[in-house]
């Protein structure tokens, strides 16, 4: 069966978070605590379930300890089917713990439809001096070639003190112009134009962070741009006489991470072929102590043809630098229900290697009918979505079983009728004999 979908790896974009774990949905705050009028940023990560429909702002709730609702203006960014970001300003609240999360979420887990609520504790403090609110709290844009993606950063002082705000950044594709510091009086606001410089850059994905630093606090605003029509430009260059600095080279110096530098030690992918997943993003970081040449990936095991990774190779990855790969499934691959295992390997001409175990669970493909029963046996025990051993009988076998049951019931029914008939006949003969004996005595 050839699928037209482009499923991809579900990649997490976390920035120094406080993780509140839930089995099926993780709600991740960017800080440990917030004060009234500050901007709360939270990641919503879908783990082991399939949403019946995408999340919207109506799914989010903010509750007091007595379960009463608190009205807030929510801003929601959907990055893909498994990753959302929500941000909002806190109203004037008393210090304490509150519940924030999702309610009335329709989802499917283990082939069962469910409606659930997923909440995380949000700590509110009583700080009122150094208070900033921001807009936006997350930036994710899709562009085409030669298109830029600027935005305006809004900042407001909601505290009682004058605040000096500093702007820093990670990423060489945008800047703040001449503005690197502003002073804000209480109740005053200001804007900063963030301008991009994507033109001429041979990249499909741009990942950066806007840093807003004030007092002892900061805001981290992820800034991610994806070119939807990107075609890499291959330069006609030849690399020869590569010198390997054997004394300095760290052969374990390659690491795989998320965009926010969270290490990835293994990859586990669950694919429902009836769902669409955009390609995810993974980052390969070089800390080998030297530049690595002809860095390419190799897929091994039963997953070797399932995935498409772009780019397929990198001419040079300098020390302390990183490269972003788009990680998705091969849309022309014939998927079959089951579990598969292998590894994703990166290797350079210098011999530096990285091996990452890769496990895949595929489901959602209709099973064909036939004379023989179909048995799907799992190859690994990585996820819980697919049972360890599933046997599905064909329609013909099911029909035969039904007729066999009916035949047995008919035979039992006939035996009961025959038994009742014999019993009744025997009693009738005994009664007639008794009557004859009575007549003989009278005569």
Protein backbone atom coordinates (compact mmCIF):
# COMPACT_ATOMS: atom_id res chain seq x y z
CA UNK A 1 0.00 0.00 0.00
CA UNK A 2 1.48 3.34 -1.05
CA UNK A 3 0.62 6.19 1.24
CA UNK A 4 0.34 9.81 0.09
CA UNK A 5 1.02 11.14 3.54
CA UNK A 6 4.24 12.68 4.75
CA UNK A 7 4.46 11.60 8.38
CA UNK A 8 7.40 12.88 10.30
CA UNK A 9 9.25 12.69 13.53
CA UNK A 10 7.56 14.55 16.32
CA UNK A 11 10.30 16.83 17.55
CA UNK A 12 10.10 18.73 20.86
CA UNK A 13 11.03 22.41 21.00
CA UNK A 14 11.81 23.06 24.69
CA UNK A 15 13.64 26.06 26.14
CA UNK A 16 14.80 25.73 29.78
CA UNK A 17 11.41 24.43 30.87
CA UNK A 18 9.81 23.26 34.07
CA UNK A 19 8.29 19.97 32.91
CA UNK A 20 4.99 18.83 34.37
CA UNK A 21 4.60 15.23 33.24
CA UNK A 22 1.34 13.73 32.05
CA UNK A 23 1.09 10.32 30.43
CA UNK A 24 -0.49 11.55 27.21
CA UNK A 25 0.06 15.33 27.11
CA UNK A 26 2.98 17.29 28.58
CA UNK A 27 2.40 20.90 29.62
CA UNK A 28 5.71 22.74 29.86
CA UNK A 29 6.17 26.21 31.38
CA UNK A 30 9.17 28.34 30.46
CA UNK A 31 9.64 29.49 34.08
CA UNK A 32 9.20 28.06 37.56
CA UNK A 33 6.88 30.88 38.64
CA UNK A 34 5.21 34.04 37.36
CA UNK A 35 3.92 37.29 38.83
CA UNK A 36 0.66 39.09 38.00
CA UNK A 37 0.76 40.89 34.61
CA UNK A 38 3.72 38.82 33.37
CA UNK A 39 3.43 36.71 30.22
CA UNK A 40 3.18 32.96 30.71
CA UNK A 41 4.63 30.77 27.93
CA UNK A 42 3.84 27.06 27.78
CA UNK A 43 4.55 24.22 25.38
CA UNK A 44 1.85 21.61 24.77
CA UNK A 45 3.29 18.28 23.63
CA UNK A 46 1.06 15.42 22.46
CA UNK A 47 2.72 12.11 23.35
CA UNK A 48 0.83 8.83 23.09
CA UNK A 49 -2.57 9.82 21.71
CA UNK A 50 -4.20 10.99 18.49
CA UNK A 51 -6.34 14.10 18.71
CA UNK A 52 -9.74 13.78 17.05
CA UNK A 53 -9.40 17.43 16.08
CA UNK A 54 -6.77 20.09 16.57
CA UNK A 55 -6.60 22.14 19.73
CA UNK A 56 -7.95 25.69 19.84
CA UNK A 57 -8.09 28.39 22.52
CA UNK A 58 -11.46 27.10 23.76
CA UNK A 59 -9.72 23.94 25.03
CA UNK A 60 -7.54 25.88 27.48
CA UNK A 61 -8.65 26.54 31.05
CA UNK A 62 -7.17 28.51 33.96
CA UNK A 63 -8.61 27.49 37.34
CA UNK A 64 -8.46 28.47 40.99
CA UNK A 65 -8.15 25.88 43.74
CA UNK A 66 -11.97 25.78 44.03
CA UNK A 67 -12.17 24.91 40.31
CA UNK A 68 -13.63 28.30 39.38
CA UNK A 69 -12.51 29.68 36.03
CA UNK A 70 -10.22 32.69 35.49
CA UNK A 71 -10.69 34.67 32.29
CA UNK A 72 -7.54 35.24 30.24
CA UNK A 73 -6.80 36.23 26.63
CA UNK A 74 -4.93 33.26 25.15
CA UNK A 75 -2.68 33.18 22.09
CA UNK A 76 -2.12 29.79 20.45
CA UNK A 77 0.54 28.75 17.93
CA UNK A 78 0.30 25.37 16.21
CA UNK A 79 3.70 24.13 15.07
CA UNK A 80 2.51 20.65 14.06
CA UNK A 81 -0.09 18.08 15.11
CA UNK A 82 1.90 17.17 18.20
CA UNK A 83 3.34 20.50 19.32
CA UNK A 84 1.54 23.69 20.30
CA UNK A 85 2.61 26.83 22.14
CA UNK A 86 0.24 29.00 24.19
CA UNK A 87 1.03 32.32 25.86
CA UNK A 88 -1.05 34.78 27.88
CA UNK A 89 -0.78 37.57 30.45
CA UNK A 90 -1.60 36.78 34.05
CA UNK A 91 -4.37 38.90 35.59
CA UNK A 92 -4.05 40.41 39.06
CA UNK A 93 -4.05 37.26 41.23
CA UNK A 94 -3.11 36.41 44.78
CA UNK A 95 0.05 34.39 45.32
CA UNK A 96 -0.48 30.65 45.24
CA UNK A 97 -0.85 27.63 42.99
CA UNK A 98 -3.32 27.55 40.12
CA UNK A 99 -4.25 24.96 37.50
CA UNK A 100 -3.67 25.62 33.82
CA UNK A 101 -4.20 23.21 30.97
CA UNK A 102 -6.67 21.54 28.66
CA UNK A 103 -10.28 20.46 29.06
CA UNK A 104 -12.75 18.64 26.82
CA UNK A 105 -9.98 17.19 24.68
CA UNK A 106 -11.32 14.60 22.24
CA UNK A 107 -8.72 11.98 21.45
CA UNK A 108 -8.15 8.35 20.52
CA UNK A 109 -5.93 6.04 22.51
CA UNK A 110 -5.55 2.29 21.99
CA UNK A 111 -8.44 2.38 19.49
CA UNK A 112 -10.79 3.92 22.08
CA UNK A 113 -12.40 7.35 21.85
CA UNK A 114 -11.95 9.41 25.01
CA UNK A 115 -12.58 12.89 26.39
CA UNK A 116 -9.96 14.09 28.86
CA UNK A 117 -8.60 16.94 30.94
CA UNK A 118 -4.89 17.65 31.33
CA UNK A 119 -3.78 20.19 33.95
CA UNK A 120 -0.48 21.46 35.35
CA UNK A 121 0.25 23.52 38.45
CA UNK A 122 1.20 27.14 37.79
CA UNK A 123 2.84 29.02 40.67
CA UNK A 124 2.02 32.73 41.05
CA UNK A 125 4.18 34.98 43.27
CA UNK A 126 3.50 38.41 44.76
CA UNK A 127 6.32 40.35 43.00
CA UNK A 128 5.10 43.76 41.75
CA UNK A 129 8.23 45.81 41.03
CA UNK A 130 9.98 44.26 38.02
CA UNK A 131 7.09 43.18 35.79
CA UNK A 132 7.19 42.89 31.98
CA UNK A 133 4.67 41.51 29.54
CA UNK A 134 5.55 40.67 25.93
CA UNK A 135 4.02 39.94 22.55
CA UNK A 136 4.53 37.57 20.81
CA UNK A 137 5.62 34.71 23.06
CA UNK A 138 6.52 32.41 20.17
CA UNK A 139 7.18 33.02 16.46
CA UNK A 140 6.75 30.31 13.83
CA UNK A 141 6.36 31.36 10.20
CA UNK A 142 6.39 29.61 6.84
CA UNK A 143 7.81 31.51 3.88
CA UNK A 144 8.87 30.96 0.29
CA UNK A 145 12.19 31.77 -1.35
CA UNK A 146 13.10 35.49 -1.38
CA UNK A 147 10.44 36.23 1.23
CA UNK A 148 11.39 37.79 4.57
CA UNK A 149 9.60 37.28 7.89
CA UNK A 150 9.89 40.36 10.13
CA UNK A 151 7.73 40.97 13.18
CA UNK A 152 7.20 43.63 15.85
CA UNK A 153 8.03 42.91 19.46
CA UNK A 154 5.73 44.59 22.00
CA UNK A 155 6.89 45.15 25.60
CA UNK A 156 4.98 46.70 28.50
CA UNK A 157 6.07 47.58 32.06
CA UNK A 158 3.37 46.32 34.42
CA UNK A 159 5.35 46.88 37.61
CA UNK A 160 6.07 49.79 39.92
CA UNK A 161 9.76 50.41 39.05
CA UNK A 162 11.53 51.76 35.98
CA UNK A 163 12.95 48.79 34.07
CA UNK A 164 16.01 48.66 31.83
CA UNK A 165 15.45 46.07 29.12
CA UNK A 166 18.30 44.50 27.11
CA UNK A 167 17.86 42.64 23.83
CA UNK A 168 20.06 39.72 22.79
CA UNK A 169 19.66 37.04 20.16
CA UNK A 170 20.70 33.60 19.00
CA UNK A 171 20.73 33.25 15.23
CA UNK A 172 22.36 35.17 12.38
CA UNK A 173 19.23 35.61 10.24
CA UNK A 174 17.65 38.51 12.15
CA UNK A 175 18.53 41.67 14.07
CA UNK A 176 17.00 44.49 16.12
CA UNK A 177 18.55 47.31 14.13
CA UNK A 178 20.14 49.99 16.32
CA UNK A 179 18.00 49.10 19.35
CA UNK A 180 19.73 46.96 22.00
CA UNK A 181 18.46 48.59 25.20
CA UNK A 182 15.41 50.58 26.30
CA UNK A 183 14.15 52.07 29.56
CA UNK A 184 10.49 51.66 30.46
CA UNK A 185 8.63 53.62 33.12
CA UNK A 186 5.72 51.95 34.96
CA UNK A 187 2.61 51.49 32.78
CA UNK A 188 4.58 52.46 29.64
CA UNK A 189 5.12 50.27 26.60
CA UNK A 190 7.41 50.19 23.59
CA UNK A 191 7.93 48.25 20.38
CA UNK A 192 11.01 46.86 18.68
CA UNK A 193 11.11 45.84 15.02
CA UNK A 194 12.76 42.48 14.43
CA UNK A 195 14.01 42.28 10.84
CA UNK A 196 15.16 39.15 9.04
CA UNK A 197 17.86 38.66 6.40
CA UNK A 198 16.98 35.35 4.75
CA UNK A 199 17.89 36.37 1.21
CA UNK A 200 20.93 34.58 -0.16
CA UNK A 201 21.06 32.00 2.61
CA UNK A 202 21.08 28.41 1.34
CA UNK A 203 18.92 27.01 4.16
CA UNK A 204 15.42 25.60 4.52
CA UNK A 205 15.02 26.12 8.27
CA UNK A 206 16.04 29.07 10.42
CA UNK A 207 16.01 28.68 14.19
CA UNK A 208 16.78 31.42 16.64
CA UNK A 209 15.85 32.89 20.01
CA UNK A 210 15.01 36.46 20.99
CA UNK A 211 16.27 37.15 24.51
CA UNK A 212 14.72 39.89 26.64
CA UNK A 213 16.78 40.45 29.79
CA UNK A 214 15.75 42.67 32.71
CA UNK A 215 16.77 42.71 36.36
CA UNK A 216 17.34 39.03 37.28
CA UNK A 217 14.69 37.76 34.87
CA UNK A 218 14.43 37.10 31.16
CA UNK A 219 12.09 36.02 28.41
CA UNK A 220 13.14 33.55 25.72
CA UNK A 221 11.09 33.84 22.54
CA UNK A 222 11.73 31.04 20.02
CA UNK A 223 11.94 32.37 16.45
CA UNK A 224 11.55 29.64 13.81
CA UNK A 225 11.12 30.08 10.06
CA UNK A 226 10.63 27.34 7.47
CA UNK A 227 10.97 27.72 3.71
CA UNK A 228 8.28 25.59 2.11
CA UNK A 229 9.74 25.61 -1.42
CA UNK A 230 13.41 25.21 -0.55
CA UNK A 231 15.77 23.52 -3.01
CA UNK A 232 19.37 23.29 -1.78
CA UNK A 233 22.04 24.85 -3.99
CA UNK A 234 24.92 22.41 -4.43
CA UNK A 235 28.26 24.10 -4.96
CA UNK A 236 30.72 22.45 -7.33
CA UNK A 237 33.59 22.10 -4.91
CA UNK A 238 35.98 19.27 -4.19
CA UNK A 239 37.46 18.58 -0.79
CA UNK A 240 40.81 16.83 -0.94
CA UNK A 241 43.72 16.03 1.32
CA UNK A 242 41.66 16.13 4.49
CA UNK A 243 43.97 16.24 7.50
CA UNK A 244 42.72 14.37 10.53
CA UNK A 245 44.01 15.90 13.79
CA UNK A 246 44.13 12.55 15.58
CA UNK A 247 45.43 13.94 18.86
CA UNK A 248 42.64 16.48 19.24
CA UNK A 249 39.72 14.70 17.60
CA UNK A 250 36.93 13.54 19.90
CA UNK A 251 35.40 10.54 18.16
CA UNK A 252 32.32 10.79 20.40
CA UNK A 253 31.88 14.48 19.66
CA UNK A 254 28.65 14.28 17.65
CA UNK A 255 25.38 14.75 19.51
CA UNK A 256 21.78 14.85 18.33
CA UNK A 257 19.42 17.32 20.00
CA UNK A 258 16.14 19.15 19.62
CA UNK A 259 16.07 22.77 18.52
CA UNK A 260 16.35 23.82 22.16
CA UNK A 261 19.45 21.68 22.77
CA UNK A 262 17.65 18.84 24.56
CA UNK A 263 19.69 15.65 23.90
CA UNK A 264 18.12 12.87 21.84
CA UNK A 265 19.53 9.48 22.85
CA UNK A 266 16.95 7.44 20.95
CA UNK A 267 14.09 8.02 18.54
CA UNK A 268 10.69 6.37 18.97
CA UNK A 269 8.09 7.10 16.29
CA UNK A 270 4.43 6.06 16.29
CA UNK A 271 2.71 6.51 12.92
CA UNK A 272 -0.98 6.41 12.15
CA UNK A 273 -1.04 6.39 8.35
CA UNK A 274 -4.45 8.06 8.37
CA UNK A 275 -2.92 11.15 9.99
CA UNK A 276 -0.71 13.87 8.49
CA UNK A 277 2.50 14.91 10.24
CA UNK A 278 4.84 17.58 8.86
CA UNK A 279 8.55 16.76 8.86
CA UNK A 280 10.23 17.40 12.20
CA UNK A 281 13.55 19.09 12.89
CA UNK A 282 16.58 17.58 14.58
CA UNK A 283 19.93 19.22 15.23
CA UNK A 284 23.36 17.59 14.83
CA UNK A 285 26.01 19.32 16.92
CA UNK A 286 29.78 19.00 16.44
CA UNK A 287 32.01 19.10 19.52
CA UNK A 288 34.68 16.79 18.11
CA UNK A 289 37.40 19.42 18.34
CA UNK A 290 37.76 19.89 14.57
CA UNK A 291 35.73 20.40 11.44
CA UNK A 292 34.07 17.25 10.07
CA UNK A 293 33.95 16.64 6.32
CA UNK A 294 31.40 14.83 4.16
CA UNK A 295 29.08 14.31 7.11
CA UNK A 296 26.23 12.02 6.02
CA UNK A 297 23.55 9.85 7.53
CA UNK A 298 23.00 6.09 7.19
CA UNK A 299 19.79 4.27 8.14
CA UNK A 300 20.12 0.62 9.15
CA UNK A 301 17.77 -2.17 10.14
CA UNK A 302 14.15 -2.59 9.06
CA UNK A 303 13.66 1.19 8.93
CA UNK A 304 16.30 1.87 6.29
CA UNK A 305 13.85 2.91 3.54
CA UNK A 306 11.13 4.52 5.64
CA UNK A 307 12.68 7.93 6.19
CA UNK A 308 13.68 10.94 4.15
CA UNK A 309 16.25 13.22 5.73
CA UNK A 310 17.36 16.53 4.25
CA UNK A 311 20.04 17.43 3.53
CA UNK A 312 21.51 14.02 2.77
CA UNK A 313 25.05 15.20 3.54
CA UNK A 314 27.05 18.23 4.67
CA UNK A 315 30.37 19.16 3.09
CA UNK A 316 31.87 20.63 6.26
CA UNK A 317 30.52 21.03 9.79
CA UNK A 318 32.95 23.16 11.75
CA UNK A 319 33.75 22.54 15.40
CA UNK A 320 31.18 24.00 17.84
CA UNK A 321 28.70 24.45 15.01
CA UNK A 322 25.44 22.63 14.35
CA UNK A 323 23.28 21.62 11.39
CA UNK A 324 19.51 21.26 11.23
CA UNK A 325 18.00 18.26 9.42
CA UNK A 326 14.42 17.81 8.29
CA UNK A 327 13.33 14.37 9.42
CA UNK A 328 10.26 12.82 7.76
CA UNK A 329 8.98 9.55 6.37
CA UNK A 330 9.29 8.46 2.76
CA UNK A 331 5.86 9.18 1.26
CA UNK A 332 6.35 6.51 -1.43
CA UNK A 333 7.15 3.75 1.06
CA UNK A 334 4.71 0.82 1.36
CA UNK A 335 3.80 0.85 5.04
CA UNK A 336 2.52 -2.21 6.88
CA UNK A 337 1.15 -2.42 10.40
CA UNK A 338 3.76 -3.57 12.89
CA UNK A 339 6.87 -2.56 14.76
CA UNK A 340 10.28 -1.98 13.25
CA UNK A 341 13.70 -1.19 14.66
CA UNK A 342 17.02 0.04 13.40
CA UNK A 343 19.33 2.99 13.91
CA UNK A 344 20.09 6.44 12.54
CA UNK A 345 23.84 6.82 12.05
CA UNK A 346 25.90 9.89 11.21
CA UNK A 347 29.47 9.44 9.99
CA UNK A 348 32.23 11.72 8.68
CA UNK A 349 35.33 11.12 6.56
CA UNK A 350 37.39 11.51 9.73
CA UNK A 351 35.68 8.46 11.25
CA UNK A 352 33.58 10.33 13.81
CA UNK A 353 30.28 8.47 14.24
CA UNK A 354 26.99 8.79 16.09
CA UNK A 355 24.51 5.91 16.40
CA UNK A 356 20.95 6.65 17.56
CA UNK A 357 18.52 3.71 18.07
CA UNK A 358 15.34 4.17 16.03
CA UNK A 359 12.07 2.34 16.73
CA UNK A 360 8.92 2.71 14.65
CA UNK A 361 5.34 1.55 15.27
CA UNK A 362 2.95 1.68 12.31
CA UNK A 363 -0.82 1.26 12.53
CA UNK A 364 -3.99 2.41 10.79
CA UNK A 365 -3.66 0.39 7.58
CA UNK A 366 -6.81 -1.66 6.78
CA UNK A 367 -6.11 -5.39 6.83
CA UNK A 368 -6.86 -7.33 3.60
CA UNK A 369 -9.30 -10.26 3.54
CA UNK A 370 -8.40 -13.72 2.29
CA UNK A 371 -8.55 -17.45 2.94
CA UNK A 372 -5.68 -17.46 5.36
CA UNK A 373 -5.59 -15.70 8.68
CA UNK A 374 -3.25 -12.74 8.93
CA UNK A 375 -0.84 -12.57 11.85
CA UNK A 376 0.95 -9.38 12.78
CA UNK A 377 3.84 -10.03 15.13
CA UNK A 378 5.75 -7.17 16.69
CA UNK A 379 9.50 -7.04 16.39
CA UNK A 380 10.19 -4.82 19.38
CA UNK A 381 8.62 -3.85 22.68
CA UNK A 382 9.07 -0.09 22.51
CA UNK A 383 5.57 1.40 22.57
CA UNK A 384 2.17 0.40 23.92
CA UNK A 385 -0.06 1.36 21.02
CA UNK A 386 0.21 -2.00 19.19
CA UNK A 387 -0.39 -5.31 21.10
CA UNK A 388 2.41 -7.82 21.36
CA UNK A 389 0.75 -10.36 19.05
CA UNK A 390 -2.37 -9.63 17.04
CA UNK A 391 -4.09 -12.34 14.97
CA UNK A 392 -6.92 -11.39 12.62
CA UNK A 393 -9.01 -14.11 10.95
CA UNK A 394 -10.37 -13.69 7.44
CA UNK A 395 -14.11 -13.24 6.71
CA UNK A 396 -14.35 -16.80 5.32
CA UNK A 397 -13.06 -18.29 8.58
CA UNK A 398 -15.50 -16.16 10.53
CA UNK A 399 -18.39 -17.35 8.32
CA UNK A 400 -17.42 -20.99 8.80
CA UNK A 401 -17.32 -20.51 12.58
CA UNK A 402 -20.81 -19.02 12.58
CA UNK A 403 -22.27 -21.94 10.58
CA UNK A 404 -20.52 -24.44 12.86
CA UNK A 405 -22.10 -22.83 15.93
CA UNK A 406 -25.55 -22.87 14.28
CA UNK A 407 -25.17 -26.57 13.38
CA UNK A 408 -24.20 -27.47 16.95
CA UNK A 409 -27.23 -25.60 18.29
CA UNK A 410 -29.57 -27.45 15.86
CA UNK A 411 -28.11 -30.84 16.86
CA UNK A 412 -28.55 -30.06 20.56
CA UNK A 413 -32.14 -28.97 19.91
CA UNK A 414 -32.94 -32.22 18.06
CA UNK A 415 -31.39 -34.29 20.85
CA UNK A 416 -33.56 -32.51 23.43
CA UNK A 417 -36.72 -33.13 21.32
CA UNK A 418 -35.80 -36.81 20.91
CA UNK A 419 -35.18 -37.16 24.65
CA UNK A 420 -38.51 -35.59 25.54
CA UNK A 421 -40.29 -37.77 22.99
CA UNK A 422 -38.78 -41.01 24.36
CA UNK A 423 -39.57 -39.99 27.92
CA UNK A 424 -43.21 -39.19 27.06
CA UNK A 425 -43.64 -42.42 25.08
CA UNK A 426 -42.29 -44.51 27.97
CA UNK A 427 -44.72 -42.92 30.43
CA UNK A 428 -47.63 -43.54 28.01
CA UNK A 429 -46.74 -47.25 27.71
CA UNK A 430 -46.49 -47.60 31.50
CA UNK A 431 -49.92 -45.99 31.91
CA UNK A 432 -51.54 -48.29 29.31
CA UNK A 433 -50.04 -51.35 31.03
CA UNK A 434 -51.42 -50.18 34.35
CA UNK A 435 -54.91 -49.83 32.83
CA UNK A 436 -54.77 -53.36 31.36
CA UNK A 437 -53.79 -54.84 34.74
CA UNK A 438 -56.72 -53.10 36.41
CA UNK A 439 -59.15 -54.49 33.83
CA UNK A 440 -57.81 -58.02 34.33
CA UNK A 441 -58.36 -57.81 38.09
CA UNK A 442 -61.95 -56.63 37.64
CA UNK A 443 -62.71 -59.45 35.29
